[in-house]
Amino acid sequence: MSTCAALCVGALSAQAELSLPVTYLQEVQERPPVLSNLDPVPDDLGQAGAELGLADNLTTGQFLGHKFTLQIQQVEEGADMMEAARTALAASPYLILDASAATQTAIADLPEAASALLFNASSGDPTLRAENCRANLLHTKPSDAMRADALMQFLTRKRWDRLVMITGPYPDDLDFAAALRRSATKFGREIASEKAWTFDADMRRNAAQEVPLFTQDFGDYDALLIADETGDFGRYIAYNTWEARPVAGSEGLMPATWSRVVEQWGAAQLQSRFTDLAARDMEPKDYAAWAAMRTMGEAVTRTNSDDPATLRTFILSDAFELAGFKGRPMTYRTWNGQLRQPIPLVTTRAVVAQAPLEGFLHQRTELDTLGLDQPESPCTAFN
């Protein structure tokens, strides 16, 4: 064998040894009861997105000698989530987390996770990117603040200044309502009045009678905000309000991580590949899990390394870009590990706009007009 041939075979053998095992670790959480079962939660929500990301990584990796594997691990309610995390970390330092914010910080704080690379694909809790940030935890799921800012940019552009809001009772509802309040202040909007949703009646029968009375004392306003992240009551509000006004937030005009109606910038191809894989539409958690897998795949391709520290350094560098089918290259914020990304503003049938909207400027990138900016951030873990 010639010297050149021997060197080439040796290089290929070295590349073939590079392997990246990833665990999708899911904390099974009881879903609050809702009024309608029209939108069942898929059993493979999030997992299918990671599986598509794996397939995409393997397509590129096969030409470079890079191997990727994905282990799905579900932890039932009441089981020991920390023990499951330790087991997963013993097998691989790469975890995609589908869990509550509190559980994610607890996992990130495990001694076994000190040198790991974790991805938050499920929680929009802004505190995970702020005072509760962790250096080993990156975020492909947009924060609630990013989604709220996307919506407020649109309302500002429309000059819909006077807003009112209805908030559901569950923690995710309250968190999104808090994000909307913060964003309204940021963009100079006024939430003039708020109401908590307290009905336990069957709105499928009574919405036409109950909702007009419930909204009557809001008076005049430009838009009604809905904080109903559990999908309980929001669907019954539009067209039943006392005043004929647009509805936005969790229903109506929705700031979404991803939606089946996103079709530009090659998104239709991503949607089609996902449908072929999962026999359903891609949902926001699927997209976040896909982005986590693709982030790792892109980093391995560019660095030819499977070392967590090397990959993390590259992911947070100016050299990293992720093609996310949203019209702009996506990068990570170096101060809190959040993946910058456009936020589509959608109805169930169409994309209405995509934030950041034209005219909302930033000295670094317009994508940083969405969510907590570096000067506002109390996160110190990335310093």
Protein backbone atom coordinates (compact mmCIF):
# COMPACT_ATOMS: atom_id res chain seq x y z
CA MET A 1 0.00 0.00 0.00
CA SER A 2 1.37 3.46 -0.86
CA THR A 3 2.13 6.02 1.83
CA CYS A 4 -0.71 8.23 0.59
CA ALA A 5 -3.19 5.36 0.63
CA ALA A 6 -2.12 4.36 4.14
CA LEU A 7 -2.56 7.91 5.40
CA CYS A 8 -5.99 8.19 3.79
CA VAL A 9 -7.16 4.89 5.29
CA GLY A 10 -5.79 5.96 8.67
CA ALA A 11 -7.66 9.28 8.47
CA LEU A 12 -10.92 7.55 7.58
CA SER A 13 -10.46 5.07 10.43
CA ALA A 14 -9.90 7.93 12.86
CA GLN A 15 -13.04 9.67 11.63
CA ALA A 16 -15.08 6.48 11.85
CA GLU A 17 -14.31 6.28 15.56
CA LEU A 18 -16.02 9.63 16.20
CA SER A 19 -19.42 8.94 17.74
CA LEU A 20 -21.99 11.15 19.45
CA PRO A 21 -24.60 9.33 21.57
CA VAL A 22 -27.50 11.59 22.61
CA THR A 23 -30.25 10.94 25.17
CA TYR A 24 -33.68 12.53 24.94
CA LEU A 25 -34.70 12.63 28.60
CA GLN A 26 -38.40 13.26 29.16
CA GLU A 27 -40.13 13.96 32.44
CA VAL A 28 -43.69 12.71 31.97
CA GLN A 29 -45.98 15.37 33.43
CA GLU A 30 -49.71 15.19 33.97
CA ARG A 31 -51.50 17.54 31.61
CA PRO A 32 -54.17 19.75 33.21
CA PRO A 33 -57.74 18.93 32.16
CA VAL A 34 -59.07 21.03 29.28
CA LEU A 35 -62.54 21.70 27.92
CA SER A 36 -61.92 20.19 24.48
CA ASN A 37 -60.05 17.13 23.24
CA LEU A 38 -59.88 18.35 19.64
CA ASP A 39 -56.08 18.70 19.86
CA PRO A 40 -54.71 15.54 21.48
CA VAL A 41 -51.07 15.63 22.59
CA PRO A 42 -49.02 13.20 20.44
CA ASP A 43 -47.34 10.40 22.34
CA ASP A 44 -44.07 11.17 20.56
CA LEU A 45 -44.19 14.96 20.97
CA GLY A 46 -40.62 16.27 21.02
CA GLN A 47 -39.18 12.81 20.51
CA ALA A 48 -40.11 12.80 16.82
CA GLY A 49 -38.30 16.11 16.33
CA ALA A 50 -35.14 14.66 17.85
CA GLU A 51 -35.48 11.62 15.60
CA LEU A 52 -35.70 13.82 12.51
CA GLY A 53 -32.64 15.73 13.69
CA LEU A 54 -30.85 12.41 14.10
CA ALA A 55 -31.76 11.42 10.53
CA ASP A 56 -30.46 14.76 9.23
CA ASN A 57 -27.21 14.37 11.17
CA LEU A 58 -26.70 10.86 9.84
CA THR A 59 -27.19 12.05 6.27
CA THR A 60 -24.20 14.36 6.62
CA GLY A 61 -22.27 12.19 9.03
CA GLN A 62 -22.12 9.17 6.75
CA PHE A 63 -19.82 11.06 4.38
CA LEU A 64 -17.50 12.18 7.18
CA GLY A 65 -17.33 9.08 9.32
CA HIS A 66 -19.41 10.65 12.10
CA LYS A 67 -21.88 8.46 13.95
CA PHE A 68 -24.89 9.67 15.90
CA THR A 69 -27.28 7.68 18.08
CA LEU A 70 -30.40 8.68 20.00
CA GLN A 71 -31.75 7.06 23.15
CA ILE A 72 -35.28 7.99 24.25
CA GLN A 73 -35.76 7.79 28.01
CA GLN A 74 -39.12 8.58 29.60
CA VAL A 75 -39.43 9.02 33.35
CA GLU A 76 -42.94 8.47 34.63
CA GLU A 77 -44.50 10.83 37.14
CA GLY A 78 -43.33 10.00 40.64
CA ALA A 79 -40.19 8.18 39.49
CA ASP A 80 -36.69 9.37 40.40
CA MET A 81 -35.80 11.89 37.69
CA MET A 82 -32.34 12.60 39.12
CA GLU A 83 -31.41 8.93 39.11
CA ALA A 84 -32.57 8.69 35.49
CA ALA A 85 -30.44 11.73 34.64
CA ARG A 86 -27.39 10.20 36.31
CA THR A 87 -27.89 7.00 34.32
CA ALA A 88 -28.20 8.98 31.07
CA LEU A 89 -25.11 11.06 31.87
CA ALA A 90 -23.12 7.91 32.57
CA ALA A 91 -23.87 6.82 29.00
CA SER A 92 -23.41 10.20 27.31
CA PRO A 93 -22.66 13.84 28.17
CA TYR A 94 -25.24 14.99 25.59
CA LEU A 95 -28.84 15.34 26.81
CA ILE A 96 -31.92 16.93 25.28
CA LEU A 97 -34.23 17.78 28.19
CA ASP A 98 -38.02 17.67 27.99
CA ALA A 99 -38.80 18.62 31.56
CA SER A 100 -39.95 21.41 33.85
CA ALA A 101 -37.66 24.36 34.51
CA ALA A 102 -37.00 23.25 38.10
CA THR A 103 -36.06 19.75 36.97
CA GLN A 104 -33.72 21.10 34.30
CA THR A 105 -31.78 23.26 36.76
CA ALA A 106 -31.55 20.31 39.16
CA ILE A 107 -30.12 18.11 36.40
CA ALA A 108 -27.69 20.84 35.31
CA ASP A 109 -26.46 21.09 38.92
CA LEU A 110 -25.66 17.37 39.23
CA PRO A 111 -21.92 16.71 39.66
CA GLU A 112 -22.22 14.22 36.79
CA ALA A 113 -23.42 17.06 34.52
CA ALA A 114 -20.56 19.44 35.23
CA SER A 115 -18.86 18.74 31.90
CA ALA A 116 -22.03 17.78 30.00
CA LEU A 117 -23.84 19.67 27.25
CA LEU A 118 -27.57 19.93 27.92
CA PHE A 119 -30.32 21.38 25.72
CA ASN A 120 -33.63 22.76 26.94
CA ALA A 121 -36.23 21.81 24.33
CA SER A 122 -39.38 22.27 26.40
CA SER A 123 -39.43 25.20 28.82
CA GLY A 124 -40.00 28.84 27.92
CA ASP A 125 -39.40 29.97 31.52
CA PRO A 126 -37.39 33.22 31.23
CA THR A 127 -35.62 32.58 34.54
CA LEU A 128 -33.73 29.68 32.93
CA ARG A 129 -32.08 32.32 30.74
CA ALA A 130 -31.69 34.81 33.60
CA GLU A 131 -31.07 34.33 37.32
CA ASN A 132 -31.40 30.53 37.06
CA CYS A 133 -29.19 30.09 34.00
CA ARG A 134 -26.56 27.34 33.93
CA ALA A 135 -23.43 27.31 31.78
CA ASN A 136 -24.01 23.71 30.69
CA LEU A 137 -27.65 24.31 29.64
CA LEU A 138 -28.43 25.80 26.21
CA HIS A 139 -31.93 26.65 25.00
CA THR A 140 -33.45 25.81 21.63
CA LYS A 141 -36.97 26.53 22.88
CA PRO A 142 -37.65 30.30 22.64
CA SER A 143 -38.35 31.96 25.95
CA ASP A 144 -41.82 33.26 26.78
CA ALA A 145 -40.26 36.72 26.63
CA MET A 146 -39.17 36.19 23.02
CA ARG A 147 -42.66 35.12 21.98
CA ALA A 148 -44.28 38.00 23.87
CA ASP A 149 -41.91 40.53 22.31
CA ALA A 150 -42.68 39.17 18.84
CA LEU A 151 -46.38 39.76 19.43
CA MET A 152 -45.85 43.22 20.92
CA GLN A 153 -43.82 44.29 17.90
CA PHE A 154 -46.80 43.44 15.72
CA LEU A 155 -49.28 45.24 18.00
CA THR A 156 -46.97 48.26 18.06
CA ARG A 157 -46.75 48.28 14.27
CA LYS A 158 -50.55 48.18 14.11
CA ARG A 159 -50.77 50.97 16.72
CA TRP A 160 -53.02 48.83 18.89
CA ASP A 161 -52.10 50.63 22.08
CA ARG A 162 -54.86 49.76 24.53
CA LEU A 163 -54.88 46.09 25.46
CA VAL A 164 -56.81 43.86 27.82
CA MET A 165 -55.99 40.32 28.91
CA ILE A 166 -57.62 37.10 30.10
CA THR A 167 -55.34 34.70 31.99
CA GLY A 168 -55.81 31.03 32.74
CA PRO A 169 -55.11 29.48 36.16
CA TYR A 170 -52.21 27.15 35.36
CA PRO A 171 -48.49 27.92 35.87
CA ASP A 172 -47.70 28.10 32.14
CA ASP A 173 -50.62 30.51 31.67
CA LEU A 174 -49.40 32.74 34.49
CA ASP A 175 -45.82 32.71 33.17
CA PHE A 176 -46.93 33.76 29.69
CA ALA A 177 -49.15 36.48 31.15
CA ALA A 178 -46.14 37.81 33.08
CA ALA A 179 -44.11 37.84 29.87
CA LEU A 180 -46.86 39.75 28.06
CA ARG A 181 -46.98 42.37 30.83
CA ARG A 182 -43.22 42.84 30.71
CA SER A 183 -43.27 43.10 26.92
CA ALA A 184 -46.15 45.59 26.93
CA THR A 185 -44.10 47.87 29.16
CA LYS A 186 -41.00 47.38 27.00
CA PHE A 187 -42.83 48.46 23.83
CA GLY A 188 -44.97 51.19 25.40
CA ARG A 189 -48.28 49.34 25.26
CA GLU A 190 -50.87 49.49 28.04
CA ILE A 191 -52.67 46.45 29.45
CA ALA A 192 -55.56 48.48 30.78
CA SER A 193 -57.50 45.65 32.38
CA GLU A 194 -57.07 41.97 33.21
CA LYS A 195 -59.35 39.13 34.18
CA ALA A 196 -58.68 35.62 35.44
CA TRP A 197 -60.54 32.78 33.75
CA THR A 198 -62.49 31.02 36.48
CA PHE A 199 -65.28 29.27 34.59
CA ASP A 200 -65.78 25.56 35.04
CA ALA A 201 -68.88 25.45 32.83
CA ASP A 202 -68.86 23.67 29.46
CA MET A 203 -67.95 26.48 27.05
CA ARG A 204 -68.77 24.22 24.13
CA ARG A 205 -72.40 24.88 25.05
CA ASN A 206 -72.29 28.22 26.85
CA ALA A 207 -69.61 30.37 25.20
CA ALA A 208 -72.08 32.50 23.23
CA GLN A 209 -73.84 33.43 26.49
CA GLU A 210 -70.97 33.56 28.98
CA VAL A 211 -68.09 35.20 27.07
CA PRO A 212 -69.93 38.42 26.05
CA LEU A 213 -70.93 39.03 29.66
CA PHE A 214 -67.45 38.18 30.89
CA THR A 215 -65.81 40.69 28.52
CA GLN A 216 -68.44 43.44 28.65
CA ASP A 217 -66.78 45.51 31.37
CA PHE A 218 -63.46 45.63 29.52
CA GLY A 219 -64.94 48.64 27.77
CA ASP A 220 -63.21 49.82 24.60
CA TYR A 221 -59.82 48.39 23.65
CA ASP A 222 -57.72 47.58 20.58
CA ALA A 223 -56.85 43.91 21.13
CA LEU A 224 -57.60 41.15 23.62
CA LEU A 225 -54.64 39.10 24.85
CA ILE A 226 -55.16 35.47 25.85
CA ALA A 227 -52.75 33.67 28.20
CA ASP A 228 -53.98 30.09 27.86
CA GLU A 229 -50.90 27.98 27.19
CA THR A 230 -52.71 24.79 28.23
CA GLY A 231 -55.29 25.22 25.44
CA ASP A 232 -58.24 25.23 27.80
CA PHE A 233 -60.58 28.15 27.10
CA GLY A 234 -58.94 30.41 24.51
CA ARG A 235 -60.60 28.79 21.51
CA TYR A 236 -64.01 29.93 22.77
CA ILE A 237 -63.15 33.64 23.12
CA ALA A 238 -62.84 34.83 19.50
CA TYR A 239 -66.12 36.06 17.94
CA ASN A 240 -67.86 35.83 21.33
CA THR A 241 -66.49 39.00 22.95
CA TRP A 242 -68.76 41.94 23.77
CA GLU A 243 -66.68 44.23 21.54
CA ALA A 244 -65.60 42.98 18.12
CA ARG A 245 -61.83 43.12 18.56
CA PRO A 246 -58.85 40.97 17.49
CA VAL A 247 -57.65 38.21 19.80
CA ALA A 248 -53.94 37.40 20.20
CA GLY A 249 -51.55 35.44 22.38
CA SER A 250 -52.27 31.78 23.02
CA GLU A 251 -55.16 31.96 20.53
CA GLY A 252 -56.00 34.06 17.48
CA LEU A 253 -52.75 35.66 16.35
CA MET A 254 -50.13 33.44 17.99
CA PRO A 255 -46.36 33.94 18.39
CA ALA A 256 -45.12 30.41 17.67
CA THR A 257 -41.81 28.59 17.82
CA TRP A 258 -43.03 26.65 14.80
CA SER A 259 -46.28 25.96 12.99
CA ARG A 260 -47.48 23.78 10.13
CA VAL A 261 -48.33 26.95 8.20
CA VAL A 262 -44.65 28.02 7.95
CA GLU A 263 -43.72 27.18 4.36
CA GLN A 264 -41.07 29.64 3.14
CA TRP A 265 -37.28 29.35 3.24
CA GLY A 266 -37.33 25.59 2.63
CA ALA A 267 -39.65 25.00 5.57
CA ALA A 268 -42.09 23.05 3.40
CA GLN A 269 -39.37 20.44 2.87
CA LEU A 270 -38.74 20.17 6.61
CA GLN A 271 -42.48 19.84 7.20
CA SER A 272 -42.73 17.12 4.55
CA ARG A 273 -39.81 15.12 5.95
CA PHE A 274 -41.29 15.33 9.43
CA THR A 275 -44.71 14.19 8.22
CA ASP A 276 -43.09 11.23 6.46
CA LEU A 277 -41.37 10.31 9.72
CA ALA A 278 -44.12 10.92 12.28
CA ALA A 279 -47.37 10.89 10.25
CA ARG A 280 -48.41 14.22 11.81
CA ASP A 281 -47.55 17.92 11.73
CA MET A 282 -44.40 19.25 13.36
CA GLU A 283 -45.15 21.10 16.59
CA PRO A 284 -43.07 23.65 18.54
CA LYS A 285 -41.51 21.11 20.91
CA ASP A 286 -40.59 18.92 17.93
CA TYR A 287 -38.83 21.88 16.32
CA ALA A 288 -36.89 22.69 19.48
CA ALA A 289 -35.73 19.06 19.81
CA TRP A 290 -34.81 18.97 16.11
CA ALA A 291 -32.80 22.19 16.52
CA ALA A 292 -30.94 20.69 19.49
CA MET A 293 -29.93 17.60 17.49
CA ARG A 294 -28.97 19.69 14.48
CA THR A 295 -26.91 22.04 16.67
CA MET A 296 -24.84 19.08 17.83
CA GLY A 297 -24.61 17.70 14.30
CA GLU A 298 -23.44 21.00 12.86
CA ALA A 299 -20.88 21.45 15.62
CA VAL A 300 -19.46 17.94 15.14
CA THR A 301 -19.26 18.48 11.39
CA ARG A 302 -17.42 21.77 11.72
CA THR A 303 -15.04 20.78 14.54
CA ASN A 304 -14.58 17.06 13.80
CA SER A 305 -14.76 16.55 17.56
CA ASP A 306 -17.02 14.76 20.03
CA ASP A 307 -15.65 16.58 23.08
CA PRO A 308 -18.41 18.51 24.94
CA ALA A 309 -16.17 21.46 25.84
CA THR A 310 -14.96 21.80 22.25
CA LEU A 311 -18.49 21.63 20.87
CA ARG A 312 -19.84 24.12 23.43
CA THR A 313 -17.10 26.61 22.65
CA PHE A 314 -17.81 26.37 18.93
CA ILE A 315 -21.61 26.57 19.37
CA LEU A 316 -21.25 29.82 21.33
CA SER A 317 -18.74 31.29 18.86
CA ASP A 318 -19.34 33.65 15.94
CA ALA A 319 -18.43 30.80 13.56
CA PHE A 320 -21.54 28.78 14.40
CA GLU A 321 -24.75 29.13 12.38
CA LEU A 322 -27.77 26.87 12.22
CA ALA A 323 -29.98 26.81 9.14
CA GLY A 324 -33.38 26.67 10.83
CA PHE A 325 -35.74 27.20 7.87
CA LYS A 326 -36.90 30.54 9.26
CA GLY A 327 -35.21 32.85 6.79
CA ARG A 328 -32.17 33.80 8.89
CA PRO A 329 -29.12 31.94 10.19
CA MET A 330 -29.64 31.14 13.86
CA THR A 331 -26.93 31.59 16.50
CA TYR A 332 -26.65 31.31 20.26
CA ARG A 333 -26.49 34.22 22.68
CA THR A 334 -23.15 34.08 24.41
CA TRP A 335 -24.49 35.54 27.66
CA ASN A 336 -27.25 32.99 28.40
CA GLY A 337 -27.15 30.16 25.84
CA GLN A 338 -30.44 31.03 24.11
CA LEU A 339 -30.78 30.16 20.44
CA ARG A 340 -31.63 33.34 18.53
CA GLN A 341 -34.45 32.71 16.09
CA PRO A 342 -37.26 34.49 14.26
CA ILE A 343 -40.75 34.01 15.71
CA PRO A 344 -43.60 33.45 13.22
CA LEU A 345 -46.88 35.18 14.06
CA VAL A 346 -49.53 32.78 12.84
CA THR A 347 -53.16 31.86 12.78
CA THR A 348 -54.25 28.28 12.34
CA ARG A 349 -54.32 28.85 8.58
CA ALA A 350 -51.52 31.26 7.67
CA VAL A 351 -48.38 33.15 8.63
CA VAL A 352 -49.37 36.78 9.23
CA ALA A 353 -45.89 38.16 9.93
CA GLN A 354 -42.51 37.12 11.26
CA ALA A 355 -40.64 38.88 14.05
CA PRO A 356 -38.40 40.71 14.37
CA LEU A 357 -40.43 43.12 12.27
CA GLU A 358 -38.84 45.74 10.06
CA GLY A 359 -38.03 48.92 11.94
CA PHE A 360 -37.16 47.28 15.26
CA LEU A 361 -33.41 47.75 15.30
CA HIS A 362 -30.54 46.50 17.44
CA GLN A 363 -26.82 47.28 17.37
CA ARG A 364 -25.89 43.58 17.23
CA THR A 365 -28.72 41.82 15.40
CA GLU A 366 -32.44 42.51 15.14
CA LEU A 367 -33.03 39.03 16.59
CA ASP A 368 -31.88 40.45 19.93
CA THR A 369 -34.95 42.70 20.02
CA LEU A 370 -36.77 39.51 21.04
CA GLY A 371 -36.40 38.50 24.67
CA LEU A 372 -33.98 39.56 27.39
CA ASP A 373 -31.06 41.52 25.97
CA GLN A 374 -27.52 41.30 27.34
CA PRO A 375 -27.58 44.57 29.37
CA GLU A 376 -30.80 43.40 31.09
CA SER A 377 -29.62 39.87 31.79
CA PRO A 378 -28.77 38.82 35.36
CA CYS A 379 -27.21 35.60 34.03
CA THR A 380 -23.56 35.37 35.15
CA ALA A 381 -22.87 31.67 34.47
CA PHE A 382 -21.62 32.39 30.94
CA ASN A 383 -19.18 35.14 31.92
